[in-house]
N, C-alpha and C. Protein backbone atom coordinates (compact mmCIF):
# COMPACT_ATOMS: atom_id res chain seq x y z
N MET A 1 -173.42 63.25 -68.57
CA MET A 1 -173.82 63.07 -67.23
C MET A 1 -175.34 62.82 -67.39
N GLY A 2 -175.93 62.80 -68.67
CA GLY A 2 -177.59 62.67 -68.75
C GLY A 2 -177.41 61.02 -68.86
N GLY A 3 -176.68 60.55 -69.72
CA GLY A 3 -176.74 58.65 -69.41
C GLY A 3 -176.52 58.55 -68.28
N GLU A 4 -175.55 58.80 -67.65
CA GLU A 4 -175.21 58.17 -66.01
C GLU A 4 -176.31 58.37 -65.13
N ARG A 5 -176.83 59.44 -65.38
CA ARG A 5 -178.08 59.72 -64.79
C ARG A 5 -179.61 58.69 -65.01
N SER A 6 -179.52 58.29 -66.58
CA SER A 6 -180.59 57.67 -66.60
C SER A 6 -180.33 55.99 -66.41
N MET A 7 -178.92 55.95 -66.46
CA MET A 7 -178.89 54.36 -66.21
C MET A 7 -179.27 54.14 -64.67
N PHE A 8 -179.00 55.14 -63.65
CA PHE A 8 -179.66 54.62 -62.27
C PHE A 8 -180.85 55.42 -62.35
N LEU A 9 -181.92 54.90 -62.97
CA LEU A 9 -183.22 55.31 -62.57
C LEU A 9 -183.65 53.85 -62.24
N VAL A 10 -183.92 53.95 -60.79
CA VAL A 10 -183.79 52.42 -60.39
C VAL A 10 -185.44 52.18 -59.45
N MET A 11 -185.41 50.74 -59.36
CA MET A 11 -186.54 50.69 -58.50
C MET A 11 -186.17 50.28 -57.12
N ALA A 12 -186.17 50.47 -55.87
CA ALA A 12 -185.90 50.26 -54.65
C ALA A 12 -186.87 49.30 -54.02
N LEU A 13 -185.99 47.97 -53.46
CA LEU A 13 -186.88 47.11 -52.85
C LEU A 13 -185.99 46.87 -51.58
N LEU A 14 -186.79 47.08 -50.48
CA LEU A 14 -186.26 46.82 -49.34
C LEU A 14 -186.70 45.87 -48.74
N ALA A 15 -185.58 45.20 -48.28
CA ALA A 15 -185.80 43.59 -47.63
C ALA A 15 -187.10 43.44 -46.47
N ALA A 16 -187.58 42.44 -46.68
CA ALA A 16 -189.11 42.39 -46.00
C ALA A 16 -188.24 42.22 -44.61
N GLN A 17 -189.09 42.71 -43.62
CA GLN A 17 -188.60 42.10 -42.18
C GLN A 17 -188.89 40.95 -41.63
N VAL A 18 -188.17 40.27 -40.97
CA VAL A 18 -188.44 38.84 -40.71
C VAL A 18 -189.59 39.10 -39.51
N ALA A 19 -190.83 38.22 -39.69
CA ALA A 19 -191.68 38.18 -38.90
C ALA A 19 -191.24 38.13 -37.12
N GLN A 20 -192.14 38.44 -36.30
CA GLN A 20 -191.65 38.36 -35.15
C GLN A 20 -191.93 37.22 -34.81
N ALA A 21 -192.87 36.15 -35.36
CA ALA A 21 -192.77 35.00 -34.94
C ALA A 21 -191.87 34.20 -34.90
N GLU A 22 -191.38 34.45 -36.29
CA GLU A 22 -190.32 33.68 -36.68
C GLU A 22 -188.75 33.70 -36.00
N ASN A 23 -188.46 34.96 -35.29
CA ASN A 23 -187.60 35.52 -34.44
C ASN A 23 -187.84 34.49 -33.02
N LEU A 24 -188.94 34.13 -32.82
CA LEU A 24 -189.27 33.30 -31.41
C LEU A 24 -189.02 31.79 -31.50
N ARG A 25 -188.78 31.34 -32.76
CA ARG A 25 -188.44 30.12 -32.70
C ARG A 25 -187.14 29.45 -32.06
N PRO A 26 -186.96 29.01 -31.83
CA PRO A 26 -185.54 28.10 -31.12
C PRO A 26 -184.53 28.14 -32.54
N ARG A 27 -183.38 28.88 -32.33
CA ARG A 27 -182.31 28.73 -32.73
C ARG A 27 -180.70 28.07 -32.68
N PRO A 28 -180.19 27.42 -33.96
CA PRO A 28 -179.32 26.90 -33.24
C PRO A 28 -178.02 28.27 -32.87
N LYS A 29 -176.96 28.25 -32.21
CA LYS A 29 -176.33 29.12 -31.72
C LYS A 29 -174.32 28.71 -32.30
N PRO A 30 -174.17 29.72 -33.30
CA PRO A 30 -172.73 29.33 -33.95
C PRO A 30 -171.54 28.96 -32.74
N LEU A 31 -170.72 28.01 -32.84
CA LEU A 31 -169.59 28.38 -32.13
C LEU A 31 -168.68 28.81 -32.10
N SER A 32 -168.59 29.63 -33.48
CA SER A 32 -167.75 30.51 -33.61
C SER A 32 -167.89 31.54 -34.53
N PRO A 33 -167.66 32.64 -34.54
CA PRO A 33 -168.50 33.87 -35.24
C PRO A 33 -168.55 33.58 -36.67
N PRO A 34 -169.77 33.81 -37.29
CA PRO A 34 -170.37 33.60 -38.76
C PRO A 34 -169.24 34.18 -39.87
N HIS A 35 -168.74 35.42 -39.01
CA HIS A 35 -167.68 36.33 -39.94
C HIS A 35 -166.19 35.30 -40.26
N THR A 36 -166.12 34.26 -39.36
CA THR A 36 -164.83 33.67 -39.48
C THR A 36 -164.99 32.55 -40.42
N TRP A 37 -166.26 32.20 -41.18
CA TRP A 37 -166.43 31.14 -42.01
C TRP A 37 -166.01 31.07 -43.33
N ILE A 38 -165.88 32.20 -43.66
CA ILE A 38 -165.40 32.58 -45.04
C ILE A 38 -164.51 34.01 -45.28
N ASN A 39 -163.20 33.48 -45.60
CA ASN A 39 -162.30 35.02 -45.84
C ASN A 39 -162.04 35.22 -47.41
N ASP A 40 -161.33 36.32 -47.52
CA ASP A 40 -160.87 36.78 -48.76
C ASP A 40 -160.42 35.66 -49.57
N ASP A 41 -159.25 34.73 -48.93
CA ASP A 41 -158.79 33.74 -49.80
C ASP A 41 -159.97 32.65 -50.40
N ASP A 42 -160.70 32.56 -49.87
CA ASP A 42 -162.02 31.53 -50.52
C ASP A 42 -162.48 32.57 -51.51
N TYR A 43 -162.34 33.40 -52.09
CA TYR A 43 -163.09 34.27 -53.33
C TYR A 43 -162.43 33.14 -54.40
N PRO A 44 -163.53 32.88 -55.09
CA PRO A 44 -163.05 32.03 -56.26
C PRO A 44 -162.33 32.82 -57.40
N LYS A 45 -161.64 32.15 -57.72
CA LYS A 45 -160.55 32.93 -58.57
C LYS A 45 -161.13 33.76 -59.99
N SER A 46 -161.94 32.74 -60.69
CA SER A 46 -162.60 33.33 -61.83
C SER A 46 -163.39 34.38 -61.25
N ALA A 47 -164.18 34.24 -60.53
CA ALA A 47 -164.92 35.41 -60.11
C ALA A 47 -164.14 36.79 -59.63
N ALA A 48 -162.66 36.61 -59.07
CA ALA A 48 -162.15 37.75 -58.73
C ALA A 48 -161.66 38.34 -60.01
N VAL A 49 -161.64 37.46 -60.83
CA VAL A 49 -160.63 38.34 -62.23
C VAL A 49 -161.47 38.64 -62.85
N GLU A 50 -163.01 38.29 -62.94
CA GLU A 50 -164.01 39.07 -63.58
C GLU A 50 -164.72 40.20 -62.84
N ARG A 51 -164.01 40.18 -61.38
CA ARG A 51 -164.69 41.03 -60.65
C ARG A 51 -166.22 40.95 -60.41
N ARG A 52 -166.90 39.50 -60.54
CA ARG A 52 -168.12 39.21 -59.92
C ARG A 52 -168.25 39.59 -58.54
N ALA A 53 -169.28 40.20 -58.11
CA ALA A 53 -169.61 40.38 -56.52
C ALA A 53 -170.91 40.63 -56.07
N GLY A 54 -171.44 40.28 -55.23
CA GLY A 54 -172.52 40.47 -54.76
C GLY A 54 -173.31 39.74 -53.41
N LEU A 55 -174.37 40.13 -53.13
CA LEU A 55 -174.69 39.84 -51.44
C LEU A 55 -175.80 38.80 -51.76
N LEU A 56 -175.58 37.76 -51.09
CA LEU A 56 -176.81 36.58 -50.63
C LEU A 56 -177.04 36.39 -49.37
N ARG A 57 -178.35 35.94 -49.18
CA ARG A 57 -178.94 35.73 -48.12
C ARG A 57 -179.10 33.78 -48.21
N TYR A 58 -178.73 33.26 -47.04
CA TYR A 58 -178.78 32.07 -47.03
C TYR A 58 -179.48 31.38 -45.76
N SER A 59 -179.75 30.38 -45.78
CA SER A 59 -180.22 29.25 -44.57
C SER A 59 -179.59 27.84 -44.78
N LEU A 60 -179.02 27.66 -43.40
CA LEU A 60 -178.60 26.35 -43.17
C LEU A 60 -179.19 25.78 -42.28
N GLU A 61 -179.86 24.45 -42.61
CA GLU A 61 -180.46 23.66 -41.80
C GLU A 61 -179.33 22.73 -41.00
N VAL A 62 -179.53 23.16 -39.48
CA VAL A 62 -178.80 22.53 -38.68
C VAL A 62 -179.36 21.01 -38.02
N ASP A 63 -178.65 19.95 -37.75
CA ASP A 63 -179.31 18.98 -37.39
C ASP A 63 -179.05 18.71 -35.71
N PRO A 64 -179.73 18.27 -34.85
CA PRO A 64 -179.36 17.85 -33.70
C PRO A 64 -178.29 17.69 -32.98
N LYS A 65 -176.70 17.17 -33.62
CA LYS A 65 -175.61 17.12 -33.18
C LYS A 65 -174.90 18.67 -33.26
N GLY A 66 -175.47 19.59 -34.12
CA GLY A 66 -175.23 20.95 -34.29
C GLY A 66 -174.36 20.95 -35.76
N PHE A 67 -174.25 19.96 -36.66
CA PHE A 67 -173.80 19.80 -37.87
C PHE A 67 -175.10 20.59 -39.36
N PRO A 68 -174.67 21.41 -39.88
CA PRO A 68 -175.16 21.87 -41.25
C PRO A 68 -175.43 20.75 -41.90
N VAL A 69 -176.67 20.84 -42.51
CA VAL A 69 -176.80 19.42 -43.22
C VAL A 69 -177.21 19.64 -44.46
N LYS A 70 -177.72 21.04 -44.85
CA LYS A 70 -178.63 21.68 -46.04
C LYS A 70 -178.27 23.13 -45.87
N CYS A 71 -177.61 23.83 -47.49
CA CYS A 71 -177.74 24.81 -47.12
C CYS A 71 -178.65 25.42 -48.50
N SER A 72 -179.17 26.57 -48.09
CA SER A 72 -180.43 27.09 -49.11
C SER A 72 -180.10 28.50 -49.31
N ILE A 73 -180.01 29.13 -50.55
CA ILE A 73 -180.04 30.28 -50.95
C ILE A 73 -181.32 30.93 -50.84
N LEU A 74 -181.48 31.82 -50.24
CA LEU A 74 -183.12 32.72 -50.21
C LEU A 74 -183.01 33.95 -50.99
N ARG A 75 -181.93 34.41 -51.37
CA ARG A 75 -181.65 35.63 -52.41
C ARG A 75 -180.36 35.66 -52.91
N SER A 76 -180.50 35.34 -53.91
CA SER A 76 -179.30 34.79 -54.74
C SER A 76 -178.20 35.93 -54.96
N SER A 77 -176.88 35.86 -55.03
CA SER A 77 -176.05 37.01 -55.42
C SER A 77 -175.79 37.36 -57.11
N SER A 78 -177.01 36.68 -57.82
CA SER A 78 -176.61 37.13 -59.13
C SER A 78 -175.71 35.97 -59.75
N HIS A 79 -174.82 35.36 -59.12
CA HIS A 79 -173.66 34.58 -59.80
C HIS A 79 -173.76 33.02 -59.15
N GLU A 80 -174.20 32.22 -59.81
CA GLU A 80 -174.09 31.02 -59.29
C GLU A 80 -173.05 30.38 -58.90
N GLU A 81 -171.64 30.85 -59.03
CA GLU A 81 -170.41 30.27 -58.72
C GLU A 81 -170.27 30.71 -57.16
N LEU A 82 -170.57 31.93 -57.06
CA LEU A 82 -170.52 32.63 -55.41
C LEU A 82 -171.63 32.02 -54.61
N ASP A 83 -173.03 32.05 -54.99
CA ASP A 83 -173.64 31.08 -54.02
C ASP A 83 -173.65 29.93 -53.67
N ARG A 84 -172.91 29.03 -54.76
CA ARG A 84 -172.51 27.63 -54.69
C ARG A 84 -171.09 27.80 -53.63
N GLU A 85 -170.18 28.36 -53.94
CA GLU A 85 -169.05 28.35 -52.95
C GLU A 85 -169.27 29.05 -51.59
N ALA A 86 -170.31 29.71 -51.74
CA ALA A 86 -170.83 30.20 -50.12
C ALA A 86 -171.31 28.74 -49.29
N CYS A 87 -172.36 28.29 -49.67
CA CYS A 87 -172.87 26.99 -49.21
C CYS A 87 -171.67 25.89 -48.91
N VAL A 88 -170.72 25.72 -50.12
CA VAL A 88 -169.99 24.75 -49.80
C VAL A 88 -169.25 24.80 -48.76
N LEU A 89 -168.61 26.10 -48.64
CA LEU A 89 -167.69 26.56 -47.30
C LEU A 89 -168.48 26.59 -46.01
N MET A 90 -169.90 27.03 -45.80
CA MET A 90 -170.41 27.02 -44.91
C MET A 90 -170.75 25.51 -44.26
N LEU A 91 -171.15 24.80 -44.91
CA LEU A 91 -171.50 23.48 -44.55
C LEU A 91 -170.19 22.60 -43.81
N GLN A 92 -169.09 22.85 -44.73
CA GLN A 92 -167.65 22.44 -44.25
C GLN A 92 -167.16 23.16 -42.88
N ARG A 93 -167.76 24.43 -42.39
CA ARG A 93 -166.85 25.20 -41.59
C ARG A 93 -167.99 25.67 -40.30
N ALA A 94 -169.17 25.58 -40.81
CA ALA A 94 -169.72 26.14 -39.76
C ALA A 94 -170.20 24.78 -38.48
N ARG A 95 -170.25 25.10 -37.76
CA ARG A 95 -170.75 24.16 -36.34
C ARG A 95 -171.18 25.28 -35.33
N PHE A 96 -172.29 24.23 -34.63
CA PHE A 96 -173.37 24.80 -33.94
C PHE A 96 -173.69 24.12 -32.70
N SER A 97 -174.18 25.02 -31.50
CA SER A 97 -174.76 24.46 -30.52
C SER A 97 -176.50 24.50 -30.90
N PRO A 98 -176.82 22.69 -30.89
CA PRO A 98 -178.02 22.79 -31.69
C PRO A 98 -179.33 23.72 -30.57
N ALA A 99 -180.28 23.89 -31.42
CA ALA A 99 -181.21 24.55 -31.19
C ALA A 99 -182.16 23.13 -29.89
N ARG A 100 -182.67 23.51 -29.23
CA ARG A 100 -183.57 22.60 -28.25
C ARG A 100 -185.18 23.07 -28.33
N ASP A 101 -185.92 22.17 -27.92
CA ASP A 101 -187.45 22.27 -27.91
C ASP A 101 -187.26 22.82 -26.51
N ALA A 102 -188.83 22.56 -25.89
CA ALA A 102 -189.13 23.13 -24.68
C ALA A 102 -188.96 22.35 -23.66
N ASP A 103 -188.81 21.27 -24.16
CA ASP A 103 -188.22 20.05 -23.00
C ASP A 103 -186.49 20.10 -22.73
N GLY A 104 -185.73 20.69 -23.50
CA GLY A 104 -184.45 20.79 -23.70
C GLY A 104 -183.72 19.70 -24.63
N LYS A 105 -184.53 19.05 -25.43
CA LYS A 105 -184.13 18.00 -26.46
C LYS A 105 -183.39 18.77 -27.39
N PRO A 106 -182.50 18.43 -27.99
CA PRO A 106 -181.74 18.81 -29.19
C PRO A 106 -182.61 18.85 -30.66
N ILE A 107 -183.15 19.60 -31.81
CA ILE A 107 -183.90 19.52 -32.54
C ILE A 107 -182.98 20.27 -33.98
N THR A 108 -183.51 19.57 -35.18
CA THR A 108 -183.48 20.28 -36.48
C THR A 108 -183.98 21.84 -36.29
N ALA A 109 -183.34 22.66 -36.73
CA ALA A 109 -183.70 24.11 -36.81
C ALA A 109 -182.93 25.13 -37.92
N ASP A 110 -183.19 25.58 -37.93
CA ASP A 110 -182.56 26.70 -39.50
C ASP A 110 -181.73 27.92 -38.99
N PHE A 111 -180.46 28.20 -39.44
CA PHE A 111 -179.86 29.56 -38.94
C PHE A 111 -179.85 29.94 -40.14
N SER A 112 -179.99 31.24 -40.45
CA SER A 112 -180.09 31.99 -41.61
C SER A 112 -179.11 33.46 -41.45
N GLY A 113 -178.37 34.00 -42.24
CA GLY A 113 -177.56 35.16 -42.50
C GLY A 113 -177.28 35.74 -43.65
N VAL A 114 -176.30 36.45 -44.06
CA VAL A 114 -175.88 37.23 -45.11
C VAL A 114 -174.77 37.03 -45.61
N VAL A 115 -174.38 36.55 -46.77
CA VAL A 115 -172.53 36.80 -47.24
C VAL A 115 -172.71 37.64 -48.05
N LEU A 116 -171.14 38.84 -48.15
CA LEU A 116 -171.12 39.86 -48.98
C LEU A 116 -169.68 39.42 -49.79
N TRP A 117 -170.06 38.83 -50.76
CA TRP A 117 -168.67 38.94 -52.07
C TRP A 117 -168.35 40.31 -52.63
N ASN A 118 -167.30 40.27 -52.10
CA ASN A 118 -166.89 41.94 -52.52
C ASN A 118 -165.37 41.83 -52.95
N SER A 119 -165.36 42.69 -54.14
CA SER A 119 -163.57 42.18 -54.60
C SER A 119 -162.72 43.53 -54.39
N GLY A 120 -163.50 44.61 -53.12
CA GLY A 120 -163.12 45.69 -53.05
C GLY A 120 -162.27 45.34 -52.02
N ALA A 121 -161.78 46.75 -51.29
CA ALA A 121 -160.68 46.92 -49.95
C ALA A 121 -161.29 46.45 -49.01
N GLY A 122 -162.99 46.26 -49.07
CA GLY A 122 -163.63 45.88 -47.86
C GLY A 122 -164.04 44.67 -47.19
N GLY A 123 -163.22 44.13 -47.99
CA GLY A 123 -163.31 42.60 -47.66
C GLY A 123 -164.03 41.85 -48.85
N SER A 124 -163.97 40.66 -48.99
CA SER A 124 -164.41 39.33 -49.80
C SER A 124 -165.07 38.29 -48.81
N GLY A 125 -166.36 37.81 -49.28
CA GLY A 125 -166.95 36.38 -48.81
C GLY A 125 -166.97 36.82 -47.24
N ASN A 126 -167.18 37.96 -46.71
CA ASN A 126 -167.31 38.23 -45.34
C ASN A 126 -169.08 37.50 -44.80
N VAL A 127 -169.03 36.89 -44.17
CA VAL A 127 -170.59 36.42 -43.72
C VAL A 127 -170.67 37.49 -42.32
N GLN A 128 -171.84 38.26 -42.69
CA GLN A 128 -172.08 39.04 -41.80
C GLN A 128 -172.72 38.70 -40.31
N PRO A 129 -172.19 39.06 -39.29
CA PRO A 129 -172.61 38.69 -38.02
C PRO A 129 -173.90 38.94 -37.74
N THR A 130 -174.58 40.13 -38.18
CA THR A 130 -175.75 40.50 -38.03
C THR A 130 -176.21 40.93 -40.00
N SER A 131 -177.70 41.04 -39.58
CA SER A 131 -178.20 41.62 -41.30
C SER A 131 -178.63 42.58 -41.20
N PRO A 132 -177.90 43.50 -41.96
CA PRO A 132 -178.40 44.72 -41.98
C PRO A 132 -179.34 44.95 -43.39
N ASP A 133 -179.89 46.14 -43.26
CA ASP A 133 -181.27 46.44 -44.23
C ASP A 133 -180.53 46.53 -45.67
N ILE A 134 -181.43 45.28 -46.37
CA ILE A 134 -180.49 45.44 -47.94
C ILE A 134 -181.59 46.18 -48.68
N LEU A 135 -180.73 47.20 -49.34
CA LEU A 135 -182.06 47.84 -50.90
C LEU A 135 -181.48 47.35 -52.48
N ASP A 136 -181.93 46.89 -52.82
CA ASP A 136 -181.80 46.53 -54.05
C ASP A 136 -182.02 47.56 -55.41
N LEU A 137 -181.04 47.78 -56.12
CA LEU A 137 -181.05 48.72 -57.12
C LEU A 137 -181.08 48.09 -58.53
N THR A 138 -182.15 48.12 -59.15
CA THR A 138 -182.42 47.50 -60.24
C THR A 138 -181.67 48.68 -61.71
N VAL A 139 -180.19 48.36 -62.19
CA VAL A 139 -180.03 49.13 -63.35
C VAL A 139 -179.98 48.62 -64.75
N ALA A 140 -180.05 49.34 -65.60
CA ALA A 140 -179.55 48.31 -66.91
C ALA A 140 -178.60 47.82 -67.22
N ALA A 141 -177.22 48.52 -66.76
CA ALA A 141 -176.60 48.27 -66.96
C ALA A 141 -175.47 48.77 -65.82
N LEU A 142 -174.35 47.87 -65.37
CA LEU A 142 -173.49 48.01 -64.30
C LEU A 142 -172.37 48.86 -64.73
N PRO A 143 -171.53 49.94 -64.39
CA PRO A 143 -170.63 50.71 -64.83
C PRO A 143 -169.25 49.57 -64.61
N ALA A 144 -168.31 49.99 -65.68
CA ALA A 144 -167.39 49.21 -65.53
C ALA A 144 -166.40 48.85 -64.43
N ASP A 145 -166.13 50.01 -63.64
CA ASP A 145 -165.66 50.11 -62.37
C ASP A 145 -166.43 49.93 -61.18
N TYR A 146 -167.52 49.30 -61.27
CA TYR A 146 -168.15 48.70 -60.01
C TYR A 146 -167.63 47.42 -59.34
N ARG A 147 -167.18 47.46 -58.42
CA ARG A 147 -166.78 46.24 -57.68
C ARG A 147 -167.66 45.30 -57.17
N GLY A 148 -168.70 46.04 -55.99
CA GLY A 148 -169.32 45.03 -55.03
C GLY A 148 -170.61 46.20 -54.62
N PRO A 149 -171.20 46.12 -53.76
CA PRO A 149 -172.32 46.43 -52.87
C PRO A 149 -171.53 47.47 -52.33
N VAL A 150 -172.55 48.53 -51.88
CA VAL A 150 -172.25 49.71 -51.08
C VAL A 150 -172.78 49.61 -49.75
N ARG A 151 -171.91 49.90 -48.77
CA ARG A 151 -172.22 49.78 -47.56
C ARG A 151 -172.23 51.15 -47.07
N ALA A 152 -173.43 51.47 -46.39
CA ALA A 152 -173.78 53.02 -45.80
C ALA A 152 -174.47 52.70 -44.56
N GLU A 153 -174.89 54.38 -44.18
CA GLU A 153 -175.29 54.65 -42.65
C GLU A 153 -176.42 55.70 -42.93
N ILE A 154 -177.69 55.44 -41.98
CA ILE A 154 -178.40 56.67 -42.02
C ILE A 154 -177.99 56.86 -40.62
N ILE A 155 -177.81 58.06 -40.19
CA ILE A 155 -177.39 58.30 -38.85
C ILE A 155 -178.34 59.42 -38.36
N VAL A 156 -179.36 59.03 -37.16
CA VAL A 156 -180.31 60.01 -36.57
C VAL A 156 -179.75 60.61 -35.47
N GLY A 157 -180.07 61.60 -35.41
CA GLY A 157 -179.54 62.51 -34.45
C GLY A 157 -180.02 62.65 -33.13
N GLU A 158 -180.18 63.31 -32.00
CA GLU A 158 -181.09 63.31 -31.13
C GLU A 158 -182.23 63.93 -31.09
N ASP A 159 -182.45 64.77 -32.11
CA ASP A 159 -183.46 65.23 -33.05
C ASP A 159 -183.97 64.45 -33.93
N PRO A 160 -185.05 63.65 -33.94
CA PRO A 160 -185.25 62.36 -35.03
C PRO A 160 -185.42 62.97 -36.22
N VAL A 161 -185.61 64.37 -36.25
CA VAL A 161 -185.97 64.98 -37.46
C VAL A 161 -184.76 65.21 -38.25
N THR A 162 -184.06 65.21 -37.72
CA THR A 162 -182.37 65.54 -38.08
C THR A 162 -181.63 64.30 -38.33
N THR A 163 -181.13 64.01 -39.49
CA THR A 163 -180.65 62.64 -40.38
C THR A 163 -179.45 63.30 -40.96
N ASN A 164 -178.62 62.30 -41.12
CA ASN A 164 -177.48 61.98 -42.30
C ASN A 164 -177.23 60.95 -42.68
N CYS A 165 -176.52 60.90 -43.92
CA CYS A 165 -176.05 59.69 -44.70
C CYS A 165 -174.81 59.84 -44.96
N ARG A 166 -174.18 58.66 -45.03
CA ARG A 166 -172.76 58.37 -45.46
C ARG A 166 -172.34 57.16 -45.50
N ILE A 167 -171.53 57.15 -46.89
CA ILE A 167 -170.99 55.90 -47.11
C ILE A 167 -169.72 55.60 -46.45
N ILE A 168 -169.92 54.29 -46.15
CA ILE A 168 -168.55 53.53 -45.06
C ILE A 168 -167.64 52.47 -46.04
N GLU A 169 -168.61 52.02 -46.79
CA GLU A 169 -167.75 51.32 -48.14
C GLU A 169 -167.98 51.54 -49.13
N THR A 170 -167.09 51.91 -50.24
CA THR A 170 -167.98 52.37 -51.67
C THR A 170 -167.77 51.07 -52.36
N SER A 171 -168.61 51.26 -53.58
CA SER A 171 -168.75 50.01 -54.64
C SER A 171 -167.57 50.23 -55.54
N GLY A 172 -166.45 50.90 -55.48
CA GLY A 172 -165.49 51.39 -56.49
C GLY A 172 -165.88 52.33 -57.45
N SER A 173 -167.38 52.64 -57.94
CA SER A 173 -167.87 53.41 -58.68
C SER A 173 -168.55 54.36 -58.20
N GLY A 174 -168.16 55.77 -58.58
CA GLY A 174 -168.88 57.09 -58.16
C GLY A 174 -169.96 56.97 -58.34
N ALA A 175 -170.51 56.77 -59.75
CA ALA A 175 -171.66 56.72 -59.89
C ALA A 175 -172.56 55.67 -59.18
N ALA A 176 -172.35 54.59 -59.03
CA ALA A 176 -172.89 53.95 -58.19
C ALA A 176 -173.11 54.22 -56.63
N ASP A 177 -171.92 54.81 -56.12
CA ASP A 177 -172.08 55.34 -54.91
C ASP A 177 -173.04 56.41 -54.72
N ARG A 178 -173.22 57.35 -55.67
CA ARG A 178 -173.84 58.61 -55.87
C ARG A 178 -175.34 58.07 -55.95
N ALA A 179 -175.69 57.10 -56.67
CA ALA A 179 -176.93 56.54 -56.75
C ALA A 179 -177.59 56.29 -55.46
N ALA A 180 -176.78 55.18 -54.54
CA ALA A 180 -177.09 54.69 -53.37
C ALA A 180 -177.23 55.55 -52.63
N PHE A 181 -176.32 57.01 -52.75
CA PHE A 181 -176.52 57.93 -51.58
C PHE A 181 -177.96 58.70 -51.88
N ARG A 182 -178.13 58.86 -52.92
CA ARG A 182 -179.73 59.48 -53.27
C ARG A 182 -180.82 58.86 -52.68
N GLN A 183 -180.88 57.18 -52.70
CA GLN A 183 -181.70 56.35 -52.40
C GLN A 183 -181.94 56.51 -50.90
N LEU A 184 -180.72 56.63 -50.17
CA LEU A 184 -180.69 56.47 -48.70
C LEU A 184 -181.15 57.66 -48.26
N GLU A 185 -180.97 59.14 -49.01
CA GLU A 185 -181.33 60.12 -48.66
C GLU A 185 -182.91 60.34 -48.85
N ALA A 186 -183.41 59.56 -49.68
CA ALA A 186 -184.98 59.65 -49.73
C ALA A 186 -185.76 58.87 -48.56
N ILE A 187 -184.74 57.88 -48.47
CA ILE A 187 -185.32 57.01 -47.29
C ILE A 187 -185.27 57.42 -46.01
N ALA A 188 -184.14 58.47 -46.08
CA ALA A 188 -184.00 59.21 -44.32
C ALA A 188 -185.19 60.22 -44.05
N ALA A 189 -185.30 60.75 -45.58
CA ALA A 189 -186.40 61.91 -45.63
C ALA A 189 -188.12 61.86 -45.54
N ASP A 190 -188.10 60.30 -45.14
CA ASP A 190 -189.83 59.96 -45.85
C ASP A 190 -189.96 60.45 -44.40
N PRO A 191 -191.40 61.06 -44.44
CA PRO A 191 -192.29 61.69 -43.40
C PRO A 191 -192.49 60.49 -42.25
N ALA A 192 -192.89 59.49 -42.89
CA ALA A 192 -193.26 58.27 -41.89
C ALA A 192 -191.93 57.78 -41.28
N ALA A 193 -191.12 57.66 -41.79
CA ALA A 193 -189.77 57.14 -41.06
C ALA A 193 -189.27 57.96 -40.10
N LYS A 194 -189.34 59.36 -40.30
CA LYS A 194 -189.00 60.46 -39.40
C LYS A 194 -189.99 60.32 -38.09
N ALA A 195 -191.21 59.84 -38.32
CA ALA A 195 -192.17 60.38 -37.23
C ALA A 195 -192.05 58.93 -36.44
N ALA A 196 -191.53 57.76 -37.16
CA ALA A 196 -191.46 56.50 -36.41
C ALA A 196 -189.85 56.74 -35.29
N ARG A 197 -189.01 57.73 -35.59
CA ARG A 197 -188.19 57.66 -34.74
C ARG A 197 -187.93 58.11 -33.62
N LYS A 198 -187.78 57.42 -32.45
CA LYS A 198 -187.95 57.95 -31.03
C LYS A 198 -186.35 58.72 -30.37
N MET A 199 -185.63 58.17 -31.08
CA MET A 199 -184.07 58.67 -30.48
C MET A 199 -182.95 58.40 -31.41
N ALA A 200 -181.79 59.08 -30.98
CA ALA A 200 -180.77 58.65 -31.90
C ALA A 200 -180.42 57.25 -32.36
N SER A 201 -180.12 57.07 -33.38
CA SER A 201 -179.71 55.67 -33.87
C SER A 201 -178.76 55.97 -35.22
N THR A 202 -178.20 54.46 -35.26
CA THR A 202 -177.59 54.69 -36.67
C THR A 202 -178.03 53.29 -37.30
N GLN A 203 -178.45 53.30 -38.47
CA GLN A 203 -179.02 52.10 -39.29
C GLN A 203 -177.99 51.78 -40.61
N THR A 204 -177.40 50.38 -40.48
CA THR A 204 -176.87 50.34 -41.60
C THR A 204 -177.38 49.72 -42.74
N TYR A 205 -177.00 49.78 -43.79
CA TYR A 205 -177.75 49.21 -45.27
C TYR A 205 -176.50 48.92 -46.19
N ILE A 206 -176.80 47.78 -46.79
CA ILE A 206 -176.17 47.20 -48.14
C ILE A 206 -176.76 47.78 -49.21
N VAL A 207 -176.21 48.25 -49.74
CA VAL A 207 -177.09 48.80 -51.18
C VAL A 207 -176.37 47.96 -52.41
N SER A 208 -177.01 47.03 -53.05
CA SER A 208 -176.70 46.41 -54.00
C SER A 208 -177.25 46.44 -55.54
N PHE A 209 -176.52 46.51 -56.43
CA PHE A 209 -176.84 46.81 -57.57
C PHE A 209 -177.05 45.37 -58.40
N ARG A 210 -177.91 45.46 -59.56
CA ARG A 210 -178.28 44.47 -60.47
C ARG A 210 -178.94 44.84 -61.46
N THR A 211 -178.26 43.99 -62.73
CA THR A 211 -178.67 44.25 -63.91
C THR A 211 -180.33 43.69 -63.83
N GLU A 212 -181.29 44.43 -64.80
CA GLU A 212 -182.69 43.78 -65.25
C GLU A 212 -182.66 42.45 -65.80
N ALA A 213 -183.48 41.82 -65.51
CA ALA A 213 -183.68 40.63 -66.03
C ALA A 213 -184.06 40.55 -67.35
N PRO A 214 -183.31 39.79 -68.39
CA PRO A 214 -183.73 40.18 -70.01
C PRO A 214 -185.05 39.90 -70.07
N ALA A 215 -186.22 40.55 -71.02
CA ALA A 215 -187.01 40.57 -71.50
C ALA A 215 -187.40 38.93 -71.78
N LYS A 216 -188.56 38.20 -71.48
CA LYS A 216 -188.69 36.80 -72.06
C LYS A 216 -189.46 37.45 -73.64
N PRO A 217 -188.68 36.32 -74.92
CA PRO A 217 -189.40 36.81 -76.22
C PRO A 217 -190.83 36.48 -75.92
């Protein structure tokens, strides 16, 4: 038990919120739901066999005709093959109504989102239609039964001080799920966060585990 607990001494890094000015920029509108661009059948065979999983953030540069012409990885899944496959598929399948400037003229603009490659029962290669908060947990090693990121919720009751956490999609590893739950409990119990809550709400998190980068010689 002590070894399991020490394995999950983690550093939590909440993804930064997108700046308000960024949200006000003209954006292309997908012609089909983003979650249809990638499906379970697209999971690279070698990655599935080795149970590689991860979450990535991407940005597509969309031209004035509504075609994506460039895919950039803003946050890697930690697996080059999964990053590359996500970009190839979205460049092939994503189509948009282009962004327009103040005069209504089509312009080049960026569209960003999140892809979750998951070898568990919850689905693999699903592009999230909205971007939940992302919690990165750095660990010394991943458990052998870890399949992919945890999806969880912090549920706030009518009384903003009353909160509850629940796992809605397991990582496949009880140890990883418990570590994710402890981190979310800490977030929910934070006094500043409690003070900011004004009404009942549910906040979705994707809790992703990755190993520490090897030390440079």
